[in-house]
Amino acid sequence: MTQKKEAADSEASVRDELVQLRADIDGLVGTVGRLANGAAGSLVDGAKRTISHTGEQASEAYDAALAEGRRAMKTAGKTIKANPYLSIAIAAGVGLLVGKLLSRHS
């Protein structure tokens, strides 16, 4: 009878340990899930910051190119006003050259 009692006690002990093991595994799964969500959130936040920074850089590059274009237009305008006849001759020459090149391809 002692052996049956010991076997029953042993079986109950193993069941208790299995219940505790299942609870521990559930706790670990929950912890891993929270950590994974936190890491994913960090990755998303980092990507958003990078995109925002890239957008700011693109905006700055656009503004710089626009300012440079305006400066070039002002310089061209001043040059044309300073040398109107030369500007007309250059424009006519470029027009003639483009016309010849286009007539060859037709």
PDB file of N, CA and C in Angstrom:
ATOM      1  N   MET A   1       0.801  -1.166   0.000  1.00  0.00           N
ATOM      2  CA  MET A   1       0.000   0.000   0.000  1.00  0.00           C
ATOM      3  C   MET A   1       0.864   1.258   0.000  1.00  0.00           C
ATOM      4  N   THR A   2       1.980   1.167   0.595  1.00  0.00           N
ATOM      5  CA  THR A   2       2.892   2.295   0.663  1.00  0.00           C
ATOM      6  C   THR A   2       3.368   2.658  -0.728  1.00  0.00           C
ATOM      7  N   GLN A   3       3.601   1.660  -1.530  1.00  0.00           N
ATOM      8  CA  GLN A   3       4.058   1.933  -2.886  1.00  0.00           C
ATOM      9  C   GLN A   3       2.973   2.656  -3.689  1.00  0.00           C
ATOM     10  N   LYS A   4       1.710   2.267  -3.510  1.00  0.00           N
ATOM     11  CA  LYS A   4       0.618   2.932  -4.206  1.00  0.00           C
ATOM     12  C   LYS A   4       0.500   4.381  -3.754  1.00  0.00           C
ATOM     13  N   LYS A   5       0.683   4.606  -2.454  1.00  0.00           N
ATOM     14  CA  LYS A   5       0.606   5.971  -1.938  1.00  0.00           C
ATOM     15  C   LYS A   5       1.763   6.810  -2.466  1.00  0.00           C
ATOM     16  N   GLU A   6       2.932   6.231  -2.487  1.00  0.00           N
ATOM     17  CA  GLU A   6       4.099   6.941  -3.003  1.00  0.00           C
ATOM     18  C   GLU A   6       3.912   7.257  -4.484  1.00  0.00           C
ATOM     19  N   ALA A   7       3.363   6.288  -5.251  1.00  0.00           N
ATOM     20  CA  ALA A   7       3.119   6.500  -6.675  1.00  0.00           C
ATOM     21  C   ALA A   7       2.093   7.605  -6.863  1.00  0.00           C
ATOM     22  N   ALA A   8       1.048   7.606  -6.037  1.00  0.00           N
ATOM     23  CA  ALA A   8       0.014   8.640  -6.140  1.00  0.00           C
ATOM     24  C   ALA A   8       0.596  10.006  -5.781  1.00  0.00           C
ATOM     25  N   ASP A   9       1.413  10.043  -4.733  1.00  0.00           N
ATOM     26  CA  ASP A   9       2.058  11.303  -4.341  1.00  0.00           C
ATOM     27  C   ASP A   9       3.000  11.794  -5.444  1.00  0.00           C
ATOM     28  N   SER A  10       3.713  10.852  -6.023  1.00  0.00           N
ATOM     29  CA  SER A  10       4.642  11.176  -7.101  1.00  0.00           C
ATOM     30  C   SER A  10       3.879  11.725  -8.304  1.00  0.00           C
ATOM     31  N   GLU A  11       2.766  11.074  -8.626  1.00  0.00           N
ATOM     32  CA  GLU A  11       1.947  11.511  -9.749  1.00  0.00           C
ATOM     33  C   GLU A  11       1.371  12.908  -9.483  1.00  0.00           C
ATOM     34  N   ALA A  12       0.925  13.148  -8.286  1.00  0.00           N
ATOM     35  CA  ALA A  12       0.388  14.470  -7.937  1.00  0.00           C
ATOM     36  C   ALA A  12       1.484  15.525  -7.996  1.00  0.00           C
ATOM     37  N   SER A  13       2.661  15.159  -7.550  1.00  0.00           N
ATOM     38  CA  SER A  13       3.789  16.080  -7.590  1.00  0.00           C
ATOM     39  C   SER A  13       4.160  16.438  -9.030  1.00  0.00           C
ATOM     40  N   VAL A  14       4.169  15.437  -9.914  1.00  0.00           N
ATOM     41  CA  VAL A  14       4.480  15.668 -11.322  1.00  0.00           C
ATOM     42  C   VAL A  14       3.404  16.553 -11.958  1.00  0.00           C
ATOM     43  N   ARG A  15       2.135  16.293 -11.617  1.00  0.00           N
ATOM     44  CA  ARG A  15       1.047  17.121 -12.152  1.00  0.00           C
ATOM     45  C   ARG A  15       1.194  18.569 -11.682  1.00  0.00           C
ATOM     46  N   ASP A  16       1.505  18.748 -10.418  1.00  0.00           N
ATOM     47  CA  ASP A  16       1.698  20.107  -9.899  1.00  0.00           C
ATOM     48  C   ASP A  16       2.850  20.811 -10.619  1.00  0.00           C
ATOM     49  N   GLU A  17       3.924  20.078 -10.841  1.00  0.00           N
ATOM     50  CA  GLU A  17       5.067  20.652 -11.541  1.00  0.00           C
ATOM     51  C   GLU A  17       4.714  20.987 -12.993  1.00  0.00           C
ATOM     52  N   LEU A  18       3.905  20.141 -13.662  1.00  0.00           N
ATOM     53  CA  LEU A  18       3.468  20.419 -15.021  1.00  0.00           C
ATOM     54  C   LEU A  18       2.582  21.671 -15.075  1.00  0.00           C
ATOM     55  N   VAL A  19       1.707  21.802 -14.078  1.00  0.00           N
ATOM     56  CA  VAL A  19       0.856  22.997 -14.015  1.00  0.00           C
ATOM     57  C   VAL A  19       1.725  24.238 -13.846  1.00  0.00           C
ATOM     58  N   GLN A  20       2.705  24.151 -12.959  1.00  0.00           N
ATOM     59  CA  GLN A  20       3.611  25.287 -12.739  1.00  0.00           C
ATOM     60  C   GLN A  20       4.440  25.579 -13.988  1.00  0.00           C
ATOM     61  N   LEU A  21       4.880  24.517 -14.667  1.00  0.00           N
ATOM     62  CA  LEU A  21       5.655  24.682 -15.892  1.00  0.00           C
ATOM     63  C   LEU A  21       4.823  25.370 -16.975  1.00  0.00           C
ATOM     64  N   ARG A  22       3.557  24.949 -17.104  1.00  0.00           N
ATOM     65  CA  ARG A  22       2.680  25.604 -18.079  1.00  0.00           C
ATOM     66  C   ARG A  22       2.498  27.084 -17.747  1.00  0.00           C
ATOM     67  N   ALA A  23       2.326  27.393 -16.476  1.00  0.00           N
ATOM     68  CA  ALA A  23       2.170  28.794 -16.067  1.00  0.00           C
ATOM     69  C   ALA A  23       3.438  29.592 -16.375  1.00  0.00           C
ATOM     70  N   ASP A  24       4.595  28.998 -16.122  1.00  0.00           N
ATOM     71  CA  ASP A  24       5.859  29.665 -16.422  1.00  0.00           C
ATOM     72  C   ASP A  24       6.012  29.904 -17.928  1.00  0.00           C
ATOM     73  N   ILE A  25       5.651  28.916 -18.736  1.00  0.00           N
ATOM     74  CA  ILE A  25       5.751  29.057 -20.192  1.00  0.00           C
ATOM     75  C   ILE A  25       4.801  30.161 -20.673  1.00  0.00           C
ATOM     76  N   ASP A  26       3.576  30.179 -20.142  1.00  0.00           N
ATOM     77  CA  ASP A  26       2.635  31.242 -20.517  1.00  0.00           C
ATOM     78  C   ASP A  26       3.200  32.615 -20.162  1.00  0.00           C
ATOM     79  N   GLY A  27       3.826  32.711 -19.001  1.00  0.00           N
ATOM     80  CA  GLY A  27       4.441  33.979 -18.599  1.00  0.00           C
ATOM     81  C   GLY A  27       5.570  34.374 -19.533  1.00  0.00           C
ATOM     82  N   LEU A  28       6.397  33.412 -19.927  1.00  0.00           N
ATOM     83  CA  LEU A  28       7.488  33.691 -20.860  1.00  0.00           C
ATOM     84  C   LEU A  28       6.966  34.122 -22.229  1.00  0.00           C
ATOM     85  N   VAL A  29       5.920  33.450 -22.695  1.00  0.00           N
ATOM     86  CA  VAL A  29       5.335  33.810 -23.987  1.00  0.00           C
ATOM     87  C   VAL A  29       4.817  35.248 -23.936  1.00  0.00           C
ATOM     88  N   GLY A  30       4.163  35.601 -22.854  1.00  0.00           N
ATOM     89  CA  GLY A  30       3.672  36.973 -22.707  1.00  0.00           C
ATOM     90  C   GLY A  30       4.804  37.986 -22.687  1.00  0.00           C
ATOM     91  N   THR A  31       5.862  37.665 -21.965  1.00  0.00           N
ATOM     92  CA  THR A  31       7.011  38.569 -21.883  1.00  0.00           C
ATOM     93  C   THR A  31       7.678  38.728 -23.244  1.00  0.00           C
ATOM     94  N   VAL A  32       7.865  37.621 -23.959  1.00  0.00           N
ATOM     95  CA  VAL A  32       8.479  37.683 -25.284  1.00  0.00           C
ATOM     96  C   VAL A  32       7.598  38.503 -26.227  1.00  0.00           C
ATOM     97  N   GLY A  33       6.293  38.335 -26.140  1.00  0.00           N
ATOM     98  CA  GLY A  33       5.377  39.109 -26.975  1.00  0.00           C
ATOM     99  C   GLY A  33       5.488  40.595 -26.699  1.00  0.00           C
ATOM    100  N   ARG A  34       5.545  40.970 -25.431  1.00  0.00           N
ATOM    101  CA  ARG A  34       5.683  42.394 -25.082  1.00  0.00           C
ATOM    102  C   ARG A  34       7.019  42.946 -25.573  1.00  0.00           C
ATOM    103  N   LEU A  35       8.077  42.160 -25.419  1.00  0.00           N
ATOM    104  CA  LEU A  35       9.388  42.605 -25.902  1.00  0.00           C
ATOM    105  C   LEU A  35       9.397  42.772 -27.415  1.00  0.00           C
ATOM    106  N   ALA A  36       8.773  41.837 -28.115  1.00  0.00           N
ATOM    107  CA  ALA A  36       8.718  41.923 -29.578  1.00  0.00           C
ATOM    108  C   ALA A  36       7.924  43.153 -30.009  1.00  0.00           C
ATOM    109  N   ASN A  37       6.808  43.416 -29.331  1.00  0.00           N
ATOM    110  CA  ASN A  37       6.022  44.608 -29.668  1.00  0.00           C
ATOM    111  C   ASN A  37       6.818  45.879 -29.395  1.00  0.00           C
ATOM    112  N   GLY A  38       7.571  45.893 -28.303  1.00  0.00           N
ATOM    113  CA  GLY A  38       8.396  47.059 -27.993  1.00  0.00           C
ATOM    114  C   GLY A  38       9.484  47.263 -29.025  1.00  0.00           C
ATOM    115  N   ALA A  39      10.110  46.175 -29.470  1.00  0.00           N
ATOM    116  CA  ALA A  39      11.160  46.279 -30.488  1.00  0.00           C
ATOM    117  C   ALA A  39      10.568  46.742 -31.812  1.00  0.00           C
ATOM    118  N   ALA A  40       9.404  46.226 -32.167  1.00  0.00           N
ATOM    119  CA  ALA A  40       8.762  46.645 -33.421  1.00  0.00           C
ATOM    120  C   ALA A  40       8.399  48.122 -33.348  1.00  0.00           C
ATOM    121  N   GLY A  41       7.903  48.547 -32.193  1.00  0.00           N
ATOM    122  CA  GLY A  41       7.580  49.968 -32.023  1.00  0.00           C
ATOM    123  C   GLY A  41       8.810  50.841 -32.165  1.00  0.00           C
ATOM    124  N   SER A  42       9.916  50.381 -31.619  1.00  0.00           N
ATOM    125  CA  SER A  42      11.161  51.142 -31.742  1.00  0.00           C
ATOM    126  C   SER A  42      11.614  51.225 -33.194  1.00  0.00           C
ATOM    127  N   LEU A  43      11.487  50.128 -33.927  1.00  0.00           N
ATOM    128  CA  LEU A  43      11.857  50.131 -35.345  1.00  0.00           C
ATOM    129  C   LEU A  43      10.975  51.091 -36.134  1.00  0.00           C
ATOM    130  N   VAL A  44       9.681  51.078 -35.859  1.00  0.00           N
ATOM    131  CA  VAL A  44       8.761  51.971 -36.566  1.00  0.00           C
ATOM    132  C   VAL A  44       9.084  53.423 -36.243  1.00  0.00           C
ATOM    133  N   ASP A  45       9.349  53.708 -34.968  1.00  0.00           N
ATOM    134  CA  ASP A  45       9.699  55.081 -34.580  1.00  0.00           C
ATOM    135  C   ASP A  45      10.981  55.535 -35.270  1.00  0.00           C
ATOM    136  N   GLY A  46      11.974  54.656 -35.332  1.00  0.00           N
ATOM    137  CA  GLY A  46      13.224  54.978 -36.007  1.00  0.00           C
ATOM    138  C   GLY A  46      13.002  55.242 -37.485  1.00  0.00           C
ATOM    139  N   ALA A  47      12.165  54.426 -38.118  1.00  0.00           N
ATOM    140  CA  ALA A  47      11.877  54.616 -39.541  1.00  0.00           C
ATOM    141  C   ALA A  47      11.157  55.949 -39.769  1.00  0.00           C
ATOM    142  N   LYS A  48      10.232  56.287 -38.878  1.00  0.00           N
ATOM    143  CA  LYS A  48       9.525  57.569 -39.010  1.00  0.00           C
ATOM    144  C   LYS A  48      10.482  58.743 -38.874  1.00  0.00           C
ATOM    145  N   ARG A  49      11.412  58.646 -37.921  1.00  0.00           N
ATOM    146  CA  ARG A  49      12.395  59.726 -37.749  1.00  0.00           C
ATOM    147  C   ARG A  49      13.277  59.854 -38.991  1.00  0.00           C
ATOM    148  N   THR A  50      13.685  58.720 -39.549  1.00  0.00           N
ATOM    149  CA  THR A  50      14.539  58.732 -40.741  1.00  0.00           C
ATOM    150  C   THR A  50      13.793  59.348 -41.923  1.00  0.00           C
ATOM    151  N   ILE A  51      12.550  58.966 -42.101  1.00  0.00           N
ATOM    152  CA  ILE A  51      11.748  59.503 -43.204  1.00  0.00           C
ATOM    153  C   ILE A  51      11.558  61.004 -43.028  1.00  0.00           C
ATOM    154  N   SER A  52      11.282  61.421 -41.807  1.00  0.00           N
ATOM    155  CA  SER A  52      11.099  62.845 -41.541  1.00  0.00           C
ATOM    156  C   SER A  52      12.374  63.621 -41.848  1.00  0.00           C
ATOM    157  N   HIS A  53      13.505  63.067 -41.418  1.00  0.00           N
ATOM    158  CA  HIS A  53      14.796  63.726 -41.661  1.00  0.00           C
ATOM    159  C   HIS A  53      15.086  63.796 -43.163  1.00  0.00           C
ATOM    160  N   THR A  54      14.801  62.726 -43.878  1.00  0.00           N
ATOM    161  CA  THR A  54      15.021  62.696 -45.318  1.00  0.00           C
ATOM    162  C   THR A  54      14.133  63.714 -46.021  1.00  0.00           C
ATOM    163  N   GLY A  55      12.889  63.828 -45.572  1.00  0.00           N
ATOM    164  CA  GLY A  55      11.980  64.815 -46.145  1.00  0.00           C
ATOM    165  C   GLY A  55      12.477  66.230 -45.923  1.00  0.00           C
ATOM    166  N   GLU A  56      13.010  66.476 -44.735  1.00  0.00           N
ATOM    167  CA  GLU A  56      13.565  67.805 -44.446  1.00  0.00           C
ATOM    168  C   GLU A  56      14.758  68.099 -45.348  1.00  0.00           C
ATOM    169  N   GLN A  57      15.622  67.104 -45.544  1.00  0.00           N
ATOM    170  CA  GLN A  57      16.777  67.288 -46.418  1.00  0.00           C
ATOM    171  C   GLN A  57      16.340  67.544 -47.859  1.00  0.00           C
ATOM    172  N   ALA A  58      15.322  66.827 -48.323  1.00  0.00           N
ATOM    173  CA  ALA A  58      14.822  67.033 -49.688  1.00  0.00           C
ATOM    174  C   ALA A  58      14.245  68.441 -49.830  1.00  0.00           C
ATOM    175  N   SER A  59      13.542  68.889 -48.818  1.00  0.00           N
ATOM    176  CA  SER A  59      12.972  70.230 -48.852  1.00  0.00           C
ATOM    177  C   SER A  59      14.069  71.289 -48.896  1.00  0.00           C
ATOM    178  N   GLU A  60      15.111  71.080 -48.109  1.00  0.00           N
ATOM    179  CA  GLU A  60      16.233  72.020 -48.110  1.00  0.00           C
ATOM    180  C   GLU A  60      16.941  72.025 -49.464  1.00  0.00           C
ATOM    181  N   ALA A  61      17.111  70.854 -50.067  1.00  0.00           N
ATOM    182  CA  ALA A  61      17.754  70.767 -51.382  1.00  0.00           C
ATOM    183  C   ALA A  61      16.900  71.459 -52.439  1.00  0.00           C
ATOM    184  N   TYR A  62      15.591  71.290 -52.365  1.00  0.00           N
ATOM    185  CA  TYR A  62      14.687  71.951 -53.306  1.00  0.00           C
ATOM    186  C   TYR A  62      14.790  73.468 -53.159  1.00  0.00           C
ATOM    187  N   ASP A  63      14.767  73.947 -51.915  1.00  0.00           N
ATOM    188  CA  ASP A  63      14.871  75.394 -51.674  1.00  0.00           C
ATOM    189  C   ASP A  63      16.199  75.945 -52.198  1.00  0.00           C
ATOM    190  N   ALA A  64      17.282  75.195 -51.991  1.00  0.00           N
ATOM    191  CA  ALA A  64      18.594  75.639 -52.468  1.00  0.00           C
ATOM    192  C   ALA A  64      18.631  75.675 -54.000  1.00  0.00           C
ATOM    193  N   ALA A  65      18.069  74.653 -54.654  1.00  0.00           N
ATOM    194  CA  ALA A  65      18.048  74.615 -56.116  1.00  0.00           C
ATOM    195  C   ALA A  65      17.186  75.749 -56.666  1.00  0.00           C
ATOM    196  N   LEU A  66      16.070  76.016 -56.007  1.00  0.00           N
ATOM    197  CA  LEU A  66      15.200  77.106 -56.440  1.00  0.00           C
ATOM    198  C   LEU A  66      15.903  78.453 -56.319  1.00  0.00           C
ATOM    199  N   ALA A  67      16.596  78.659 -55.207  1.00  0.00           N
ATOM    200  CA  ALA A  67      17.341  79.911 -55.010  1.00  0.00           C
ATOM    201  C   ALA A  67      18.450  80.050 -56.048  1.00  0.00           C
ATOM    202  N   GLU A  68      19.144  78.959 -56.333  1.00  0.00           N
ATOM    203  CA  GLU A  68      20.213  79.000 -57.342  1.00  0.00           C
ATOM    204  C   GLU A  68      19.640  79.296 -58.723  1.00  0.00           C
ATOM    205  N   GLY A  69      18.501  78.730 -59.041  1.00  0.00           N
ATOM    206  CA  GLY A  69      17.847  79.004 -60.315  1.00  0.00           C
ATOM    207  C   GLY A  69      17.446  80.471 -60.437  1.00  0.00           C
ATOM    208  N   ARG A  70      16.944  81.022 -59.358  1.00  0.00           N
ATOM    209  CA  ARG A  70      16.573  82.448 -59.367  1.00  0.00           C
ATOM    210  C   ARG A  70      17.807  83.334 -59.560  1.00  0.00           C
ATOM    211  N   ARG A  71      18.898  82.971 -58.892  1.00  0.00           N
ATOM    212  CA  ARG A  71      20.141  83.737 -59.069  1.00  0.00           C
ATOM    213  C   ARG A  71      20.627  83.667 -60.517  1.00  0.00           C
ATOM    214  N   ALA A  72      20.538  82.490 -61.107  1.00  0.00           N
ATOM    215  CA  ALA A  72      20.973  82.319 -62.499  1.00  0.00           C
ATOM    216  C   ALA A  72      20.093  83.141 -63.439  1.00  0.00           C
ATOM    217  N   MET A  73      18.784  83.167 -63.175  1.00  0.00           N
ATOM    218  CA  MET A  73      17.879  83.973 -64.002  1.00  0.00           C
ATOM    219  C   MET A  73      18.202  85.461 -63.885  1.00  0.00           C
ATOM    220  N   LYS A  74      18.493  85.912 -62.667  1.00  0.00           N
ATOM    221  CA  LYS A  74      18.859  87.323 -62.474  1.00  0.00           C
ATOM    222  C   LYS A  74      20.142  87.660 -63.234  1.00  0.00           C
ATOM    223  N   THR A  75      21.125  86.768 -63.119  1.00  0.00           N
ATOM    224  CA  THR A  75      22.405  86.990 -63.800  1.00  0.00           C
ATOM    225  C   THR A  75      22.202  87.017 -65.316  1.00  0.00           C
ATOM    226  N   ALA A  76      21.402  86.084 -65.825  1.00  0.00           N
ATOM    227  CA  ALA A  76      21.131  86.055 -67.269  1.00  0.00           C
ATOM    228  C   ALA A  76      20.409  87.329 -67.700  1.00  0.00           C
ATOM    229  N   GLY A  77      19.445  87.761 -66.891  1.00  0.00           N
ATOM    230  CA  GLY A  77      18.722  88.989 -67.216  1.00  0.00           C
ATOM    231  C   GLY A  77      19.637  90.205 -67.250  1.00  0.00           C
ATOM    232  N   LYS A  78      20.549  90.291 -66.295  1.00  0.00           N
ATOM    233  CA  LYS A  78      21.497  91.407 -66.265  1.00  0.00           C
ATOM    234  C   LYS A  78      22.422  91.367 -67.483  1.00  0.00           C
ATOM    235  N   THR A  79      22.859  90.155 -67.840  1.00  0.00           N
ATOM    236  CA  THR A  79      23.762  90.013 -68.991  1.00  0.00           C
ATOM    237  C   THR A  79      23.046  90.412 -70.277  1.00  0.00           C
ATOM    238  N   ILE A  80      21.789  90.019 -70.408  1.00  0.00           N
ATOM    239  CA  ILE A  80      21.026  90.365 -71.614  1.00  0.00           C
ATOM    240  C   ILE A  80      20.820  91.877 -71.691  1.00  0.00           C
ATOM    241  N   LYS A  81      20.499  92.486 -70.547  1.00  0.00           N
ATOM    242  CA  LYS A  81      20.312  93.946 -70.536  1.00  0.00           C
ATOM    243  C   LYS A  81      21.613  94.678 -70.848  1.00  0.00           C
ATOM    244  N   ALA A  82      22.721  94.148 -70.395  1.00  0.00           N
ATOM    245  CA  ALA A  82      24.019  94.794 -70.639  1.00  0.00           C
ATOM    246  C   ALA A  82      24.460  94.624 -72.093  1.00  0.00           C
ATOM    247  N   ASN A  83      24.101  93.512 -72.733  1.00  0.00           N
ATOM    248  CA  ASN A  83      24.527  93.223 -74.114  1.00  0.00           C
ATOM    249  C   ASN A  83      23.329  92.762 -74.950  1.00  0.00           C
ATOM    250  N   PRO A  84      22.382  93.639 -75.256  1.00  0.00           N
ATOM    251  CA  PRO A  84      21.162  93.183 -75.944  1.00  0.00           C
ATOM    252  C   PRO A  84      21.424  92.661 -77.356  1.00  0.00           C
ATOM    253  N   TYR A  85      22.280  93.301 -78.125  1.00  0.00           N
ATOM    254  CA  TYR A  85      22.522  92.870 -79.509  1.00  0.00           C
ATOM    255  C   TYR A  85      23.247  91.530 -79.556  1.00  0.00           C
ATOM    256  N   LEU A  86      24.204  91.360 -78.679  1.00  0.00           N
ATOM    257  CA  LEU A  86      24.918  90.085 -78.603  1.00  0.00           C
ATOM    258  C   LEU A  86      23.959  88.969 -78.200  1.00  0.00           C
ATOM    259  N   SER A  87      23.061  89.260 -77.267  1.00  0.00           N
ATOM    260  CA  SER A  87      22.079  88.264 -76.816  1.00  0.00           C
ATOM    261  C   SER A  87      21.159  87.856 -77.951  1.00  0.00           C
ATOM    262  N   ILE A  88      20.734  88.838 -78.757  1.00  0.00           N
ATOM    263  CA  ILE A  88      19.864  88.526 -79.902  1.00  0.00           C
ATOM    264  C   ILE A  88      20.616  87.667 -80.910  1.00  0.00           C
ATOM    265  N   ALA A  89      21.884  87.991 -81.167  1.00  0.00           N
ATOM    266  CA  ALA A  89      22.686  87.216 -82.117  1.00  0.00           C
ATOM    267  C   ALA A  89      22.886  85.784 -81.620  1.00  0.00           C
ATOM    268  N   ILE A  90      23.154  85.621 -80.351  1.00  0.00           N
ATOM    269  CA  ILE A  90      23.338  84.273 -79.783  1.00  0.00           C
ATOM    270  C   ILE A  90      22.038  83.490 -79.880  1.00  0.00           C
ATOM    271  N   ALA A  91      20.901  84.119 -79.530  1.00  0.00           N
ATOM    272  CA  ALA A  91      19.604  83.434 -79.602  1.00  0.00           C
ATOM    273  C   ALA A  91      19.292  83.022 -81.030  1.00  0.00           C
ATOM    274  N   ALA A  92      19.590  83.907 -81.977  1.00  0.00           N
ATOM    275  CA  ALA A  92      19.339  83.569 -83.386  1.00  0.00           C
ATOM    276  C   ALA A  92      20.228  82.407 -83.827  1.00  0.00           C
ATOM    277  N   GLY A  93      21.479  82.426 -83.434  1.00  0.00           N
ATOM    278  CA  GLY A  93      22.401  81.343 -83.793  1.00  0.00           C
ATOM    279  C   GLY A  93      21.959  80.013 -83.207  1.00  0.00           C
ATOM    280  N   VAL A  94      21.546  80.026 -81.960  1.00  0.00           N
ATOM    281  CA  VAL A  94      21.081  78.783 -81.322  1.00  0.00           C
ATOM    282  C   VAL A  94      19.816  78.296 -82.019  1.00  0.00           C
ATOM    283  N   GLY A  95      18.906  79.202 -82.352  1.00  0.00           N
ATOM    284  CA  GLY A  95      17.681  78.828 -83.059  1.00  0.00           C
ATOM    285  C   GLY A  95      17.971  78.220 -84.413  1.00  0.00           C
ATOM    286  N   LEU A  96      18.911  78.811 -85.128  1.00  0.00           N
ATOM    287  CA  LEU A  96      19.299  78.292 -86.434  1.00  0.00           C
ATOM    288  C   LEU A  96      19.902  76.896 -86.317  1.00  0.00           C
ATOM    289  N   LEU A  97      20.780  76.719 -85.355  1.00  0.00           N
ATOM    290  CA  LEU A  97      21.416  75.420 -85.130  1.00  0.00           C
ATOM    291  C   LEU A  97      20.386  74.350 -84.774  1.00  0.00           C
ATOM    292  N   VAL A  98      19.468  74.657 -83.869  1.00  0.00           N
ATOM    293  CA  VAL A  98      18.425  73.694 -83.481  1.00  0.00           C
ATOM    294  C   VAL A  98      17.550  73.368 -84.687  1.00  0.00           C
ATOM    295  N   GLY A  99      17.219  74.383 -85.481  1.00  0.00           N
ATOM    296  CA  GLY A  99      16.410  74.150 -86.682  1.00  0.00           C
ATOM    297  C   GLY A  99      17.097  73.208 -87.659  1.00  0.00           C
ATOM    298  N   LYS A 100      18.381  73.392 -87.884  1.00  0.00           N
ATOM    299  CA  LYS A 100      19.142  72.514 -88.790  1.00  0.00           C
ATOM    300  C   LYS A 100      19.164  71.078 -88.258  1.00  0.00           C
ATOM    301  N   LEU A 101      19.419  70.946 -86.951  1.00  0.00           N
ATOM    302  CA  LEU A 101      19.480  69.598 -86.359  1.00  0.00           C
ATOM    303  C   LEU A 101      18.122  68.898 -86.458  1.00  0.00           C
ATOM    304  N   LEU A 102      17.063  69.618 -86.235  1.00  0.00           N
ATOM    305  CA  LEU A 102      15.739  69.006 -86.312  1.00  0.00           C
ATOM    306  C   LEU A 102      15.356  68.668 -87.746  1.00  0.00           C
ATOM    307  N   SER A 103      15.775  69.481 -88.715  1.00  0.00           N
ATOM    308  CA  SER A 103      15.425  69.210 -90.111  1.00  0.00           C
ATOM    309  C   SER A 103      16.162  67.975 -90.626  1.00  0.00           C
ATOM    310  N   ARG A 104      17.311  67.660 -90.095  1.00  0.00           N
ATOM    311  CA  ARG A 104      18.057  66.459 -90.511  1.00  0.00           C
ATOM    312  C   ARG A 104      17.330  65.184 -90.087  1.00  0.00           C
ATOM    313  N   HIS A 105      16.700  65.215 -88.927  1.00  0.00           N
ATOM    314  CA  HIS A 105      16.049  64.012 -88.384  1.00  0.00           C
ATOM    315  C   HIS A 105      14.693  63.758 -89.019  1.00  0.00           C
ATOM    316  N   SER A 106      14.129  64.714 -89.687  1.00  0.00           N
ATOM    317  CA  SER A 106      12.785  64.544 -90.269  1.00  0.00           C
ATOM    318  C   SER A 106      12.804  63.883 -91.598  1.00  0.00           C
TER     319      SER A 106
END
